[in-house]
Amino acid sequence: MINIKKARAGFTLIELVIVIIITGIIIVIASRFLAVGLTSYRNASNLNGSYRNVQLAMERMSRDFRSVPAVSNISTATASTFTFTNSGGTSISYSLSGSNLMRNSQALASHVSALTFTYYTSAGSTTSTISAIRYIGVSVTFSGGGIQSMTVTTTVFPEAFST
C-alpha cells in the first residue's frame, strides 16, 4: 500500500476566526489610546487659542490705555467698565458682555468669565476718583472649552498721566 500524505493547503476556519478576534481586540485598544491623544491635543489647542485671544485683547487694551490723552478724557472708570475719548475724539469703552470682552461693540475675546479694572493713584493706593487715576490694573479671567480657568493681569501706565 502506498501511504499518501495529505498536503495542508490553507488555514482552518477556527484559526481565521481567532486571528480576526485578536486583531479586533488590538484595534480597539489602539483606538482608545489614539482617542485620548486626540482629546488632549484638542484641549491644548482650545487652551492655546483662548489664551492667545486674551493675550491679544490685553495688548490692545494696554495700547489704548497708554494713549489716553489726559485724565479728563476718562468718562467712566468702574471695576467693570472703562470708557474714555481718544485723541481723535472717538469714545472707546471696554466691558464684559456675557462671556465676551468687548471694545465698544466689537468682541475682542470670548470665554471670558471676569473682567476687573483697578485704578491707582501716584502713591499706589486704589482710587475711584477719576481725576486721581495715574495707572490702571486690568485682570481678565477666562476658561475655554471646559478647561480650567486662567487669570491674566497687567498694569498700564498711560503716558499722559504724569504725576
C-alpha atoms as a PDB file:
ATOM      1  CA  MET A   1       0.000   0.000   0.000  1.00  0.00           C
ATOM      2  CA  ILE A   2       1.087   3.419  -0.794  1.00  0.00           C
ATOM      3  CA  ASN A   3       0.927   5.962   2.048  1.00  0.00           C
ATOM      4  CA  ILE A   4      -0.129   9.283   0.616  1.00  0.00           C
ATOM      5  CA  LYS A   5       0.034  12.256   2.969  1.00  0.00           C
ATOM      6  CA  LYS A   6      -2.440  14.997   2.532  1.00  0.00           C
ATOM      7  CA  ALA A   7      -0.806  18.345   1.913  1.00  0.00           C
ATOM      8  CA  ARG A   8      -2.156  21.124   4.020  1.00  0.00           C
ATOM      9  CA  ALA A   9      -3.083  23.998   1.695  1.00  0.00           C
ATOM     10  CA  GLY A  10      -4.598  26.702   3.997  1.00  0.00           C
ATOM     11  CA  PHE A  11      -5.943  27.733   7.371  1.00  0.00           C
ATOM     12  CA  THR A  12      -8.887  26.242   9.121  1.00  0.00           C
ATOM     13  CA  LEU A  13     -11.981  28.304   9.831  1.00  0.00           C
ATOM     14  CA  ILE A  14     -11.249  28.314  13.577  1.00  0.00           C
ATOM     15  CA  GLU A  15      -7.737  29.708  13.003  1.00  0.00           C
ATOM     16  CA  LEU A  16      -9.144  32.535  10.859  1.00  0.00           C
ATOM     17  CA  VAL A  17     -11.813  33.413  13.439  1.00  0.00           C
ATOM     18  CA  ILE A  18      -9.216  33.533  16.244  1.00  0.00           C
ATOM     19  CA  VAL A  19      -6.959  35.837  14.172  1.00  0.00           C
ATOM     20  CA  ILE A  20      -9.900  38.142  13.427  1.00  0.00           C
ATOM     21  CA  ILE A  21     -10.862  38.305  17.115  1.00  0.00           C
ATOM     22  CA  ILE A  22      -7.281  39.048  18.249  1.00  0.00           C
ATOM     23  CA  THR A  23      -6.894  41.715  15.543  1.00  0.00           C
ATOM     24  CA  GLY A  24     -10.173  43.324  16.632  1.00  0.00           C
ATOM     25  CA  ILE A  25      -9.049  43.465  20.270  1.00  0.00           C
ATOM     26  CA  ILE A  26      -5.741  45.077  19.260  1.00  0.00           C
ATOM     27  CA  ILE A  27      -7.561  47.660  17.115  1.00  0.00           C
ATOM     28  CA  VAL A  28      -9.961  48.555  19.965  1.00  0.00           C
ATOM     29  CA  ILE A  29      -7.082  49.040  22.419  1.00  0.00           C
ATOM     30  CA  ALA A  30      -5.083  51.115  19.929  1.00  0.00           C
ATOM     31  CA  SER A  31      -8.088  53.302  19.066  1.00  0.00           C
ATOM     32  CA  ARG A  32      -8.620  54.134  22.744  1.00  0.00           C
ATOM     33  CA  PHE A  33      -5.009  55.343  23.020  1.00  0.00           C
ATOM     34  CA  LEU A  34      -5.471  57.432  19.885  1.00  0.00           C
ATOM     35  CA  ALA A  35      -8.727  58.908  21.209  1.00  0.00           C
ATOM     36  CA  VAL A  36      -7.012  60.001  24.442  1.00  0.00           C
ATOM     37  CA  GLY A  37      -4.198  61.586  22.438  1.00  0.00           C
ATOM     38  CA  LEU A  38      -6.593  63.415  20.140  1.00  0.00           C
ATOM     39  CA  THR A  39      -8.667  64.683  23.082  1.00  0.00           C
ATOM     40  CA  SER A  40      -5.518  66.003  24.776  1.00  0.00           C
ATOM     41  CA  TYR A  41      -4.445  67.710  21.560  1.00  0.00           C
ATOM     42  CA  ARG A  42      -7.868  69.316  21.099  1.00  0.00           C
ATOM     43  CA  ASN A  43      -7.909  70.572  24.721  1.00  0.00           C
ATOM     44  CA  ALA A  44      -4.411  72.023  24.351  1.00  0.00           C
ATOM     45  CA  SER A  45      -5.388  73.719  21.087  1.00  0.00           C
ATOM     46  CA  ASN A  46      -8.515  75.220  22.699  1.00  0.00           C
ATOM     47  CA  LEU A  47      -6.487  76.493  25.642  1.00  0.00           C
ATOM     48  CA  ASN A  48      -3.810  77.939  23.363  1.00  0.00           C
ATOM     49  CA  GLY A  49      -6.405  79.654  21.153  1.00  0.00           C
ATOM     50  CA  SER A  50      -8.287  81.091  24.127  1.00  0.00           C
ATOM     51  CA  TYR A  51      -5.095  82.283  25.775  1.00  0.00           C
ATOM     52  CA  ARG A  52      -3.904  83.881  22.545  1.00  0.00           C
ATOM     53  CA  ASN A  53      -7.227  85.731  22.160  1.00  0.00           C
ATOM     54  CA  VAL A  54      -6.993  87.101  25.698  1.00  0.00           C
ATOM     55  CA  GLN A  55      -3.332  88.000  25.177  1.00  0.00           C
ATOM     56  CA  LEU A  56      -4.206  89.962  22.034  1.00  0.00           C
ATOM     57  CA  ALA A  57      -7.092  91.654  23.834  1.00  0.00           C
ATOM     58  CA  MET A  58      -4.800  92.619  26.730  1.00  0.00           C
ATOM     59  CA  GLU A  59      -2.261  94.044  24.282  1.00  0.00           C
ATOM     60  CA  ARG A  60      -4.999  96.056  22.561  1.00  0.00           C
ATOM     61  CA  MET A  61      -6.331  97.398  25.863  1.00  0.00           C
ATOM     62  CA  SER A  62      -2.834  98.294  27.055  1.00  0.00           C
ATOM     63  CA  ARG A  63      -2.075 100.150  23.830  1.00  0.00           C
ATOM     64  CA  ASP A  64      -5.377 102.054  24.033  1.00  0.00           C
ATOM     65  CA  PHE A  65      -4.942 102.874  27.729  1.00  0.00           C
ATOM     66  CA  ARG A  66      -1.377 104.114  27.223  1.00  0.00           C
ATOM     67  CA  SER A  67      -2.610 106.520  24.564  1.00  0.00           C
ATOM     68  CA  VAL A  68      -5.365 108.197  26.639  1.00  0.00           C
ATOM     69  CA  PRO A  69      -4.544 111.900  26.103  1.00  0.00           C
ATOM     70  CA  ALA A  70      -5.433 113.097  29.619  1.00  0.00           C
ATOM     71  CA  VAL A  71      -7.241 112.039  32.779  1.00  0.00           C
ATOM     72  CA  SER A  72     -10.028 114.433  31.794  1.00  0.00           C
ATOM     73  CA  ASN A  73     -10.727 112.212  28.747  1.00  0.00           C
ATOM     74  CA  ILE A  74     -11.949 109.386  31.024  1.00  0.00           C
ATOM     75  CA  SER A  75     -15.744 109.354  31.312  1.00  0.00           C
ATOM     76  CA  THR A  76     -16.322 106.026  33.136  1.00  0.00           C
ATOM     77  CA  ALA A  77     -13.918 104.235  35.464  1.00  0.00           C
ATOM     78  CA  THR A  78     -15.679 101.441  37.339  1.00  0.00           C
ATOM     79  CA  ALA A  79     -14.497  97.986  38.303  1.00  0.00           C
ATOM     80  CA  SER A  80     -16.223  96.508  35.244  1.00  0.00           C
ATOM     81  CA  THR A  81     -16.143  99.301  32.626  1.00  0.00           C
ATOM     82  CA  PHE A  82     -13.552 101.759  31.399  1.00  0.00           C
ATOM     83  CA  THR A  83     -14.605 104.448  28.909  1.00  0.00           C
ATOM     84  CA  PHE A  84     -12.503 107.276  27.525  1.00  0.00           C
ATOM     85  CA  THR A  85     -12.174 109.536  24.495  1.00  0.00           C
ATOM     86  CA  ASN A  86      -9.018 109.076  22.444  1.00  0.00           C
ATOM     87  CA  SER A  87      -7.028 111.886  20.813  1.00  0.00           C
ATOM     88  CA  GLY A  88      -9.128 111.525  17.648  1.00  0.00           C
ATOM     89  CA  GLY A  89     -12.347 112.254  19.564  1.00  0.00           C
ATOM     90  CA  THR A  90     -13.611 108.660  19.419  1.00  0.00           C
ATOM     91  CA  SER A  91     -15.210 107.236  22.558  1.00  0.00           C
ATOM     92  CA  ILE A  92     -13.732 103.841  23.460  1.00  0.00           C
ATOM     93  CA  SER A  93     -15.300 101.582  26.069  1.00  0.00           C
ATOM     94  CA  TYR A  94     -14.091  98.271  27.465  1.00  0.00           C
ATOM     95  CA  SER A  95     -16.520  95.978  29.285  1.00  0.00           C
ATOM     96  CA  LEU A  96     -17.712  92.396  29.647  1.00  0.00           C
ATOM     97  CA  SER A  97     -20.868  91.350  27.801  1.00  0.00           C
ATOM     98  CA  GLY A  98     -21.895  87.807  28.618  1.00  0.00           C
ATOM     99  CA  SER A  99     -18.671  85.864  28.082  1.00  0.00           C
ATOM    100  CA  ASN A 100     -17.189  88.333  25.578  1.00  0.00           C
ATOM    101  CA  LEU A 101     -14.613  91.003  26.305  1.00  0.00           C
ATOM    102  CA  MET A 102     -15.919  93.989  24.370  1.00  0.00           C
ATOM    103  CA  ARG A 103     -14.245  97.073  22.893  1.00  0.00           C
ATOM    104  CA  ASN A 104     -17.231  99.257  22.062  1.00  0.00           C
ATOM    105  CA  SER A 105     -19.430  96.803  20.109  1.00  0.00           C
ATOM    106  CA  GLN A 106     -16.580  94.523  18.955  1.00  0.00           C
ATOM    107  CA  ALA A 107     -15.772  91.301  20.803  1.00  0.00           C
ATOM    108  CA  LEU A 108     -12.028  91.091  21.449  1.00  0.00           C
ATOM    109  CA  ALA A 109     -12.037  87.728  23.245  1.00  0.00           C
ATOM    110  CA  SER A 110     -14.553  85.027  24.081  1.00  0.00           C
ATOM    111  CA  HIS A 111     -14.823  82.598  27.028  1.00  0.00           C
ATOM    112  CA  VAL A 112     -14.143  85.475  29.450  1.00  0.00           C
ATOM    113  CA  SER A 113     -15.683  84.918  32.861  1.00  0.00           C
ATOM    114  CA  ALA A 114     -14.430  88.048  34.657  1.00  0.00           C
ATOM    115  CA  LEU A 115     -13.054  91.475  33.804  1.00  0.00           C
ATOM    116  CA  THR A 116     -11.838  93.793  36.542  1.00  0.00           C
ATOM    117  CA  PHE A 117     -10.308  97.256  36.342  1.00  0.00           C
ATOM    118  CA  THR A 118      -8.439  98.693  39.327  1.00  0.00           C
ATOM    119  CA  TYR A 119      -7.374 102.329  39.392  1.00  0.00           C
ATOM    120  CA  TYR A 120      -4.343 103.619  41.293  1.00  0.00           C
ATOM    121  CA  THR A 121      -3.066 106.992  42.466  1.00  0.00           C
ATOM    122  CA  SER A 122       0.546 108.101  42.059  1.00  0.00           C
ATOM    123  CA  ALA A 123       1.168 106.827  45.611  1.00  0.00           C
ATOM    124  CA  GLY A 124      -0.018 103.337  44.615  1.00  0.00           C
ATOM    125  CA  SER A 125      -3.290 103.294  46.549  1.00  0.00           C
ATOM    126  CA  THR A 126      -6.553 102.381  44.866  1.00  0.00           C
ATOM    127  CA  THR A 127      -8.960 105.133  43.920  1.00  0.00           C
ATOM    128  CA  SER A 128     -12.423 105.567  42.485  1.00  0.00           C
ATOM    129  CA  THR A 129     -11.861 109.266  41.748  1.00  0.00           C
ATOM    130  CA  ILE A 130     -11.216 109.709  38.023  1.00  0.00           C
ATOM    131  CA  SER A 131      -9.023 112.805  38.443  1.00  0.00           C
ATOM    132  CA  ALA A 132      -6.691 110.868  40.795  1.00  0.00           C
ATOM    133  CA  ILE A 133      -6.016 107.963  38.403  1.00  0.00           C
ATOM    134  CA  ARG A 134      -2.355 107.583  37.421  1.00  0.00           C
ATOM    135  CA  TYR A 135      -2.248 103.958  36.345  1.00  0.00           C
ATOM    136  CA  ILE A 136      -4.698 101.139  35.667  1.00  0.00           C
ATOM    137  CA  GLY A 137      -4.704  97.473  36.629  1.00  0.00           C
ATOM    138  CA  VAL A 138      -6.545  95.049  34.343  1.00  0.00           C
ATOM    139  CA  SER A 139      -7.463  91.468  35.252  1.00  0.00           C
ATOM    140  CA  VAL A 140      -9.145  89.077  32.813  1.00  0.00           C
ATOM    141  CA  THR A 141     -10.255  85.568  33.791  1.00  0.00           C
ATOM    142  CA  PHE A 142     -11.104  83.138  31.038  1.00  0.00           C
ATOM    143  CA  SER A 143     -11.978  79.481  30.704  1.00  0.00           C
ATOM    144  CA  GLY A 144     -12.275  77.953  27.264  1.00  0.00           C
ATOM    145  CA  GLY A 145     -13.579  74.605  26.102  1.00  0.00           C
ATOM    146  CA  GLY A 146     -14.142  73.136  29.557  1.00  0.00           C
ATOM    147  CA  ILE A 147     -10.530  73.764  30.552  1.00  0.00           C
ATOM    148  CA  GLN A 148      -9.529  75.099  33.966  1.00  0.00           C
ATOM    149  CA  SER A 149      -9.852  78.878  34.245  1.00  0.00           C
ATOM    150  CA  MET A 150      -6.859  81.185  33.968  1.00  0.00           C
ATOM    151  CA  THR A 151      -6.420  84.804  35.056  1.00  0.00           C
ATOM    152  CA  VAL A 152      -4.218  87.232  33.130  1.00  0.00           C
ATOM    153  CA  THR A 153      -3.324  90.574  34.685  1.00  0.00           C
ATOM    154  CA  THR A 154      -1.425  93.664  33.601  1.00  0.00           C
ATOM    155  CA  THR A 155      -0.795  97.179  34.807  1.00  0.00           C
ATOM    156  CA  VAL A 156      -0.848 100.075  32.360  1.00  0.00           C
ATOM    157  CA  PHE A 157       0.816 103.454  32.881  1.00  0.00           C
ATOM    158  CA  PRO A 158      -0.785 105.920  30.445  1.00  0.00           C
ATOM    159  CA  GLU A 159       1.903 108.212  29.022  1.00  0.00           C
ATOM    160  CA  ALA A 160      -0.063 111.431  29.651  1.00  0.00           C
ATOM    161  CA  PHE A 161      -0.853 110.642  33.311  1.00  0.00           C
ATOM    162  CA  SER A 162       2.324 112.005  34.834  1.00  0.00           C
ATOM    163  CA  THR A 163       2.319 112.990  38.489  1.00  0.00           C
END
